[in-house]
Amino acid sequence: SLIGPEVPVTIPKHVQPVDKHLPDYEVEL
C-alpha cells in the first residue's frame, strides 16, 4: 500500500463509485 511523494493515490476499480465507497484522507504522524 505504501507510496512516496507525487505518486498518485489509486482508487481501485473495486471500490468505485466513490460516492458509495467514500475514499477519505487522514494525516498521520
PDB file of all heavy atoms in Angstrom:
ATOM      1  N   SER A   1       0.828  -1.217   0.000  1.00  0.00           N
ATOM      2  CA  SER A   1       0.000   0.000   0.000  1.00  0.00           C
ATOM      3  C   SER A   1       0.855   1.256   0.000  1.00  0.00           C
ATOM      4  O   SER A   1       0.363   2.340  -0.323  1.00  0.00           O
ATOM      5  CB  SER A   1      -0.936   0.015   1.218  1.00  0.00           C
ATOM      6  OG  SER A   1      -0.208   0.232   2.420  1.00  0.00           O
ATOM      7  N   LEU A   2       2.149   1.150   0.334  1.00  0.00           N
ATOM      8  CA  LEU A   2       2.985   2.327   0.529  1.00  0.00           C
ATOM      9  C   LEU A   2       3.429   2.951  -0.787  1.00  0.00           C
ATOM     10  O   LEU A   2       3.829   2.251  -1.726  1.00  0.00           O
ATOM     11  CB  LEU A   2       4.228   1.966   1.349  1.00  0.00           C
ATOM     12  CG  LEU A   2       3.993   1.476   2.781  1.00  0.00           C
ATOM     13  CD1 LEU A   2       5.325   1.120   3.428  1.00  0.00           C
ATOM     14  CD2 LEU A   2       3.242   2.513   3.607  1.00  0.00           C
ATOM     15  N   ILE A   3       3.380   4.281  -0.847  1.00  0.00           N
ATOM     16  CA  ILE A   3       3.894   5.055  -1.968  1.00  0.00           C
ATOM     17  C   ILE A   3       4.593   6.292  -1.426  1.00  0.00           C
ATOM     18  O   ILE A   3       4.468   6.633  -0.252  1.00  0.00           O
ATOM     19  CB  ILE A   3       2.783   5.466  -2.965  1.00  0.00           C
ATOM     20  CG1 ILE A   3       1.668   6.241  -2.242  1.00  0.00           C
ATOM     21  CG2 ILE A   3       2.236   4.260  -3.702  1.00  0.00           C
ATOM     22  CD1 ILE A   3       0.589   6.783  -3.173  1.00  0.00           C
ATOM     23  N   GLY A   4       5.317   6.984  -2.316  1.00  0.00           N
ATOM     24  CA  GLY A   4       6.044   8.174  -1.911  1.00  0.00           C
ATOM     25  C   GLY A   4       5.400   9.449  -2.421  1.00  0.00           C
ATOM     26  O   GLY A   4       4.279   9.450  -2.949  1.00  0.00           O
ATOM     27  N   PRO A   5       6.104  10.563  -2.292  1.00  0.00           N
ATOM     28  CA  PRO A   5       5.596  11.859  -2.746  1.00  0.00           C
ATOM     29  C   PRO A   5       5.317  11.874  -4.245  1.00  0.00           C
ATOM     30  O   PRO A   5       6.035  11.239  -5.031  1.00  0.00           O
ATOM     31  CB  PRO A   5       6.740  12.812  -2.403  1.00  0.00           C
ATOM     32  CG  PRO A   5       7.520  12.123  -1.337  1.00  0.00           C
ATOM     33  CD  PRO A   5       7.421  10.670  -1.635  1.00  0.00           C
ATOM     34  N   GLU A   6       4.279  12.588  -4.628  1.00  0.00           N
ATOM     35  CA  GLU A   6       3.899  12.834  -6.018  1.00  0.00           C
ATOM     36  C   GLU A   6       3.340  11.599  -6.733  1.00  0.00           C
ATOM     37  O   GLU A   6       2.878  11.708  -7.871  1.00  0.00           O
ATOM     38  CB  GLU A   6       5.079  13.410  -6.823  1.00  0.00           C
ATOM     39  CG  GLU A   6       5.609  14.724  -6.297  1.00  0.00           C
ATOM     40  CD  GLU A   6       4.613  15.871  -6.413  1.00  0.00           C
ATOM     41  OE1 GLU A   6       3.780  15.867  -7.329  1.00  0.00           O
ATOM     42  OE2 GLU A   6       4.676  16.784  -5.557  1.00  0.00           O
ATOM     43  N   VAL A   7       3.372  10.441  -6.094  1.00  0.00           N
ATOM     44  CA  VAL A   7       2.809   9.236  -6.708  1.00  0.00           C
ATOM     45  C   VAL A   7       1.286   9.277  -6.531  1.00  0.00           C
ATOM     46  O   VAL A   7       0.799   9.546  -5.430  1.00  0.00           O
ATOM     47  CB  VAL A   7       3.379   7.961  -6.064  1.00  0.00           C
ATOM     48  CG1 VAL A   7       2.739   6.717  -6.673  1.00  0.00           C
ATOM     49  CG2 VAL A   7       4.893   7.927  -6.228  1.00  0.00           C
ATOM     50  N   PRO A   8       0.518   9.014  -7.588  1.00  0.00           N
ATOM     51  CA  PRO A   8      -0.936   9.070  -7.445  1.00  0.00           C
ATOM     52  C   PRO A   8      -1.472   8.035  -6.463  1.00  0.00           C
ATOM     53  O   PRO A   8      -1.041   6.881  -6.465  1.00  0.00           O
ATOM     54  CB  PRO A   8      -1.441   8.775  -8.865  1.00  0.00           C
ATOM     55  CG  PRO A   8      -0.295   9.129  -9.759  1.00  0.00           C
ATOM     56  CD  PRO A   8       0.941   8.793  -8.981  1.00  0.00           C
ATOM     57  N   VAL A   9      -2.388   8.470  -5.606  1.00  0.00           N
ATOM     58  CA  VAL A   9      -3.190   7.541  -4.814  1.00  0.00           C
ATOM     59  C   VAL A   9      -4.224   6.949  -5.772  1.00  0.00           C
ATOM     60  O   VAL A   9      -5.028   7.684  -6.351  1.00  0.00           O
ATOM     61  CB  VAL A   9      -3.882   8.264  -3.641  1.00  0.00           C
ATOM     62  CG1 VAL A   9      -4.963   7.375  -3.025  1.00  0.00           C
ATOM     63  CG2 VAL A   9      -2.858   8.668  -2.595  1.00  0.00           C
ATOM     64  N   THR A  10      -4.175   5.640  -5.937  1.00  0.00           N
ATOM     65  CA  THR A  10      -5.030   4.977  -6.916  1.00  0.00           C
ATOM     66  C   THR A  10      -6.254   4.373  -6.241  1.00  0.00           C
ATOM     67  O   THR A  10      -6.124   3.514  -5.364  1.00  0.00           O
ATOM     68  CB  THR A  10      -4.254   3.880  -7.652  1.00  0.00           C
ATOM     69  OG1 THR A  10      -3.094   4.460  -8.267  1.00  0.00           O
ATOM     70  CG2 THR A  10      -5.113   3.222  -8.722  1.00  0.00           C
ATOM     71  N   ILE A  11      -7.420   4.823  -6.647  1.00  0.00           N
ATOM     72  CA  ILE A  11      -8.673   4.267  -6.136  1.00  0.00           C
ATOM     73  C   ILE A  11      -9.028   3.061  -7.009  1.00  0.00           C
ATOM     74  O   ILE A  11      -9.361   3.227  -8.191  1.00  0.00           O
ATOM     75  CB  ILE A  11      -9.799   5.307  -6.178  1.00  0.00           C
ATOM     76  CG1 ILE A  11      -9.439   6.509  -5.282  1.00  0.00           C
ATOM     77  CG2 ILE A  11     -11.127   4.686  -5.748  1.00  0.00           C
ATOM     78  CD1 ILE A  11     -10.421   7.646  -5.359  1.00  0.00           C
ATOM     79  N   PRO A  12      -8.938   1.842  -6.468  1.00  0.00           N
ATOM     80  CA  PRO A  12      -9.172   0.656  -7.289  1.00  0.00           C
ATOM     81  C   PRO A  12     -10.587   0.626  -7.873  1.00  0.00           C
ATOM     82  O   PRO A  12     -11.530   1.181  -7.295  1.00  0.00           O
ATOM     83  CB  PRO A  12      -8.960  -0.501  -6.313  1.00  0.00           C
ATOM     84  CG  PRO A  12      -8.140   0.066  -5.211  1.00  0.00           C
ATOM     85  CD  PRO A  12      -8.573   1.495  -5.084  1.00  0.00           C
ATOM     86  N   LYS A  13     -10.698  -0.027  -9.017  1.00  0.00           N
ATOM     87  CA  LYS A  13     -11.992  -0.176  -9.671  1.00  0.00           C
ATOM     88  C   LYS A  13     -13.006  -0.810  -8.725  1.00  0.00           C
ATOM     89  O   LYS A  13     -14.207  -0.497  -8.761  1.00  0.00           O
ATOM     90  CB  LYS A  13     -11.817  -1.045 -10.917  1.00  0.00           C
ATOM     91  CG  LYS A  13     -13.069  -1.229 -11.758  1.00  0.00           C
ATOM     92  CD  LYS A  13     -13.425   0.030 -12.510  1.00  0.00           C
ATOM     93  CE  LYS A  13     -14.575  -0.225 -13.475  1.00  0.00           C
ATOM     94  NZ  LYS A  13     -14.974   1.005 -14.194  1.00  0.00           N
ATOM     95  N   HIS A  14     -12.513  -1.690  -7.851  1.00  0.00           N
ATOM     96  CA  HIS A  14     -13.398  -2.481  -6.995  1.00  0.00           C
ATOM     97  C   HIS A  14     -13.996  -1.676  -5.846  1.00  0.00           C
ATOM     98  O   HIS A  14     -14.905  -2.154  -5.158  1.00  0.00           O
ATOM     99  CB  HIS A  14     -12.637  -3.697  -6.455  1.00  0.00           C
ATOM    100  CG  HIS A  14     -11.973  -4.486  -7.548  1.00  0.00           C
ATOM    101  ND1 HIS A  14     -10.725  -4.157  -8.027  1.00  0.00           N
ATOM    102  CD2 HIS A  14     -12.400  -5.552  -8.265  1.00  0.00           C
ATOM    103  CE1 HIS A  14     -10.399  -5.009  -8.992  1.00  0.00           C
ATOM    104  NE2 HIS A  14     -11.386  -5.853  -9.158  1.00  0.00           N
ATOM    105  N   VAL A  15     -13.494  -0.455  -5.629  1.00  0.00           N
ATOM    106  CA  VAL A  15     -14.081   0.406  -4.603  1.00  0.00           C
ATOM    107  C   VAL A  15     -14.586   1.707  -5.250  1.00  0.00           C
ATOM    108  O   VAL A  15     -14.397   2.806  -4.737  1.00  0.00           O
ATOM    109  CB  VAL A  15     -13.110   0.684  -3.442  1.00  0.00           C
ATOM    110  CG1 VAL A  15     -13.039  -0.516  -2.511  1.00  0.00           C
ATOM    111  CG2 VAL A  15     -11.711   1.031  -3.952  1.00  0.00           C
ATOM    112  N   GLN A  16     -15.219   1.533  -6.355  1.00  0.00           N
ATOM    113  CA  GLN A  16     -15.937   2.597  -7.046  1.00  0.00           C
ATOM    114  C   GLN A  16     -17.389   2.137  -7.220  1.00  0.00           C
ATOM    115  O   GLN A  16     -17.671   0.943  -7.213  1.00  0.00           O
ATOM    116  CB  GLN A  16     -15.285   2.867  -8.417  1.00  0.00           C
ATOM    117  CG  GLN A  16     -13.844   3.358  -8.339  1.00  0.00           C
ATOM    118  CD  GLN A  16     -13.222   3.513  -9.730  1.00  0.00           C
ATOM    119  OE1 GLN A  16     -13.909   3.780 -10.706  1.00  0.00           O
ATOM    120  NE2 GLN A  16     -11.913   3.322  -9.816  1.00  0.00           N
ATOM    121  N   PRO A  17     -18.333   3.075  -7.332  1.00  0.00           N
ATOM    122  CA  PRO A  17     -18.165   4.528  -7.419  1.00  0.00           C
ATOM    123  C   PRO A  17     -17.759   5.142  -6.085  1.00  0.00           C
ATOM    124  O   PRO A  17     -18.085   4.612  -5.018  1.00  0.00           O
ATOM    125  CB  PRO A  17     -19.548   5.011  -7.857  1.00  0.00           C
ATOM    126  CG  PRO A  17     -20.494   3.993  -7.303  1.00  0.00           C
ATOM    127  CD  PRO A  17     -19.768   2.678  -7.419  1.00  0.00           C
ATOM    128  N   VAL A  18     -17.071   6.269  -6.177  1.00  0.00           N
ATOM    129  CA  VAL A  18     -16.516   6.875  -4.975  1.00  0.00           C
ATOM    130  C   VAL A  18     -17.597   7.418  -4.048  1.00  0.00           C
ATOM    131  O   VAL A  18     -17.388   7.483  -2.829  1.00  0.00           O
ATOM    132  CB  VAL A  18     -15.502   7.982  -5.333  1.00  0.00           C
ATOM    133  CG1 VAL A  18     -14.259   7.383  -5.958  1.00  0.00           C
ATOM    134  CG2 VAL A  18     -16.121   9.033  -6.261  1.00  0.00           C
ATOM    135  N   ASP A  19     -18.754   7.798  -4.595  1.00  0.00           N
ATOM    136  CA  ASP A  19     -19.796   8.330  -3.722  1.00  0.00           C
ATOM    137  C   ASP A  19     -20.442   7.243  -2.869  1.00  0.00           C
ATOM    138  O   ASP A  19     -21.150   7.533  -1.901  1.00  0.00           O
ATOM    139  CB  ASP A  19     -20.853   9.091  -4.509  1.00  0.00           C
ATOM    140  CG  ASP A  19     -21.561   8.251  -5.562  1.00  0.00           C
ATOM    141  OD1 ASP A  19     -21.155   7.088  -5.784  1.00  0.00           O
ATOM    142  OD2 ASP A  19     -22.504   8.756  -6.181  1.00  0.00           O
ATOM    143  N   LYS A  20     -20.168   5.982  -3.192  1.00  0.00           N
ATOM    144  CA  LYS A  20     -20.611   4.864  -2.353  1.00  0.00           C
ATOM    145  C   LYS A  20     -19.505   4.442  -1.392  1.00  0.00           C
ATOM    146  O   LYS A  20     -19.754   4.234  -0.199  1.00  0.00           O
ATOM    147  CB  LYS A  20     -21.005   3.671  -3.217  1.00  0.00           C
ATOM    148  CG  LYS A  20     -21.296   2.406  -2.417  1.00  0.00           C
ATOM    149  CD  LYS A  20     -21.602   1.209  -3.309  1.00  0.00           C
ATOM    150  CE  LYS A  20     -21.786  -0.063  -2.502  1.00  0.00           C
ATOM    151  NZ  LYS A  20     -22.052  -1.254  -3.365  1.00  0.00           N
ATOM    152  N   HIS A  21     -18.280   4.346  -1.886  1.00  0.00           N
ATOM    153  CA  HIS A  21     -17.191   3.779  -1.087  1.00  0.00           C
ATOM    154  C   HIS A  21     -16.470   4.817  -0.230  1.00  0.00           C
ATOM    155  O   HIS A  21     -15.736   4.456   0.688  1.00  0.00           O
ATOM    156  CB  HIS A  21     -16.215   3.047  -2.004  1.00  0.00           C
ATOM    157  CG  HIS A  21     -16.770   1.763  -2.536  1.00  0.00           C
ATOM    158  ND1 HIS A  21     -16.693   0.582  -1.837  1.00  0.00           N
ATOM    159  CD2 HIS A  21     -17.448   1.489  -3.676  1.00  0.00           C
ATOM    160  CE1 HIS A  21     -17.279  -0.382  -2.536  1.00  0.00           C
ATOM    161  NE2 HIS A  21     -17.744   0.136  -3.648  1.00  0.00           N
ATOM    162  N   LEU A  22     -16.649   6.098  -0.525  1.00  0.00           N
ATOM    163  CA  LEU A  22     -16.178   7.198   0.322  1.00  0.00           C
ATOM    164  C   LEU A  22     -14.684   7.110   0.664  1.00  0.00           C
ATOM    165  O   LEU A  22     -14.292   7.055   1.833  1.00  0.00           O
ATOM    166  CB  LEU A  22     -16.999   7.257   1.616  1.00  0.00           C
ATOM    167  CG  LEU A  22     -18.516   7.432   1.448  1.00  0.00           C
ATOM    168  CD1 LEU A  22     -19.199   7.427   2.811  1.00  0.00           C
ATOM    169  CD2 LEU A  22     -18.839   8.721   0.688  1.00  0.00           C
ATOM    170  N   PRO A  23     -13.807   7.139  -0.342  1.00  0.00           N
ATOM    171  CA  PRO A  23     -12.372   7.228  -0.034  1.00  0.00           C
ATOM    172  C   PRO A  23     -12.070   8.520   0.711  1.00  0.00           C
ATOM    173  O   PRO A  23     -12.577   9.590   0.359  1.00  0.00           O
ATOM    174  CB  PRO A  23     -11.715   7.185  -1.414  1.00  0.00           C
ATOM    175  CG  PRO A  23     -12.793   7.512  -2.389  1.00  0.00           C
ATOM    176  CD  PRO A  23     -14.080   7.104  -1.778  1.00  0.00           C
ATOM    177  N   ASP A  24     -11.241   8.417   1.737  1.00  0.00           N
ATOM    178  CA  ASP A  24     -11.064   9.504   2.683  1.00  0.00           C
ATOM    179  C   ASP A  24      -9.582   9.689   2.997  1.00  0.00           C
ATOM    180  O   ASP A  24      -8.783   8.758   2.911  1.00  0.00           O
ATOM    181  CB  ASP A  24     -11.830   9.169   3.970  1.00  0.00           C
ATOM    182  CG  ASP A  24     -12.316  10.393   4.727  1.00  0.00           C
ATOM    183  OD1 ASP A  24     -11.882  11.513   4.412  1.00  0.00           O
ATOM    184  OD2 ASP A  24     -13.143  10.213   5.651  1.00  0.00           O
ATOM    185  N   TYR A  25      -9.212  10.894   3.403  1.00  0.00           N
ATOM    186  CA  TYR A  25      -7.850  11.275   3.775  1.00  0.00           C
ATOM    187  C   TYR A  25      -7.684  11.180   5.289  1.00  0.00           C
ATOM    188  O   TYR A  25      -8.642  11.336   6.048  1.00  0.00           O
ATOM    189  CB  TYR A  25      -7.592  12.718   3.321  1.00  0.00           C
ATOM    190  CG  TYR A  25      -8.724  13.638   3.735  1.00  0.00           C
ATOM    191  CD1 TYR A  25      -8.807  14.147   5.037  1.00  0.00           C
ATOM    192  CD2 TYR A  25      -9.753  13.949   2.847  1.00  0.00           C
ATOM    193  CE1 TYR A  25      -9.870  14.938   5.426  1.00  0.00           C
ATOM    194  CE2 TYR A  25     -10.813  14.751   3.232  1.00  0.00           C
ATOM    195  CZ  TYR A  25     -10.870  15.234   4.523  1.00  0.00           C
ATOM    196  OH  TYR A  25     -11.923  15.996   4.918  1.00  0.00           O
ATOM    197  N   GLU A  26      -6.448  10.966   5.749  1.00  0.00           N
ATOM    198  CA  GLU A  26      -6.127  11.000   7.181  1.00  0.00           C
ATOM    199  C   GLU A  26      -4.649  11.351   7.351  1.00  0.00           C
ATOM    200  O   GLU A  26      -3.783  10.492   7.147  1.00  0.00           O
ATOM    201  CB  GLU A  26      -6.411   9.658   7.867  1.00  0.00           C
ATOM    202  CG  GLU A  26      -7.878   9.301   8.004  1.00  0.00           C
ATOM    203  CD  GLU A  26      -8.109   8.113   8.929  1.00  0.00           C
ATOM    204  OE1 GLU A  26      -7.116   7.601   9.514  1.00  0.00           O
ATOM    205  OE2 GLU A  26      -9.259   7.685   9.076  1.00  0.00           O
ATOM    206  N   VAL A  27      -4.336  12.575   7.732  1.00  0.00           N
ATOM    207  CA  VAL A  27      -2.954  12.944   8.009  1.00  0.00           C
ATOM    208  C   VAL A  27      -2.500  12.267   9.305  1.00  0.00           C
ATOM    209  O   VAL A  27      -3.249  12.233  10.290  1.00  0.00           O
ATOM    210  CB  VAL A  27      -2.788  14.470   8.100  1.00  0.00           C
ATOM    211  CG1 VAL A  27      -3.650  15.089   9.192  1.00  0.00           C
ATOM    212  CG2 VAL A  27      -1.323  14.844   8.307  1.00  0.00           C
ATOM    213  N   GLU A  28      -1.276  11.728   9.311  1.00  0.00           N
ATOM    214  CA  GLU A  28      -0.807  10.998  10.493  1.00  0.00           C
ATOM    215  C   GLU A  28       0.693  11.209  10.716  1.00  0.00           C
ATOM    216  O   GLU A  28       1.488  11.107   9.771  1.00  0.00           O
ATOM    217  CB  GLU A  28      -1.076   9.492  10.344  1.00  0.00           C
ATOM    218  CG  GLU A  28      -2.506   9.187   9.919  1.00  0.00           C
ATOM    219  CD  GLU A  28      -3.102   7.959  10.589  1.00  0.00           C
ATOM    220  OE1 GLU A  28      -2.390   7.268  11.344  1.00  0.00           O
ATOM    221  OE2 GLU A  28      -4.299   7.701  10.340  1.00  0.00           O
ATOM    222  N   LEU A  29       1.066  11.481  11.967  1.00  0.00           N
ATOM    223  CA  LEU A  29       2.468  11.411  12.350  1.00  0.00           C
ATOM    224  C   LEU A  29       2.872   9.941  12.338  1.00  0.00           C
ATOM    225  O   LEU A  29       2.180   9.090  12.919  1.00  0.00           O
ATOM    226  CB  LEU A  29       2.687  11.999  13.739  1.00  0.00           C
ATOM    227  CG  LEU A  29       4.115  11.877  14.292  1.00  0.00           C
ATOM    228  CD1 LEU A  29       5.103  12.662  13.439  1.00  0.00           C
ATOM    229  CD2 LEU A  29       4.176  12.319  15.754  1.00  0.00           C
TER     230      LEU A  29
END
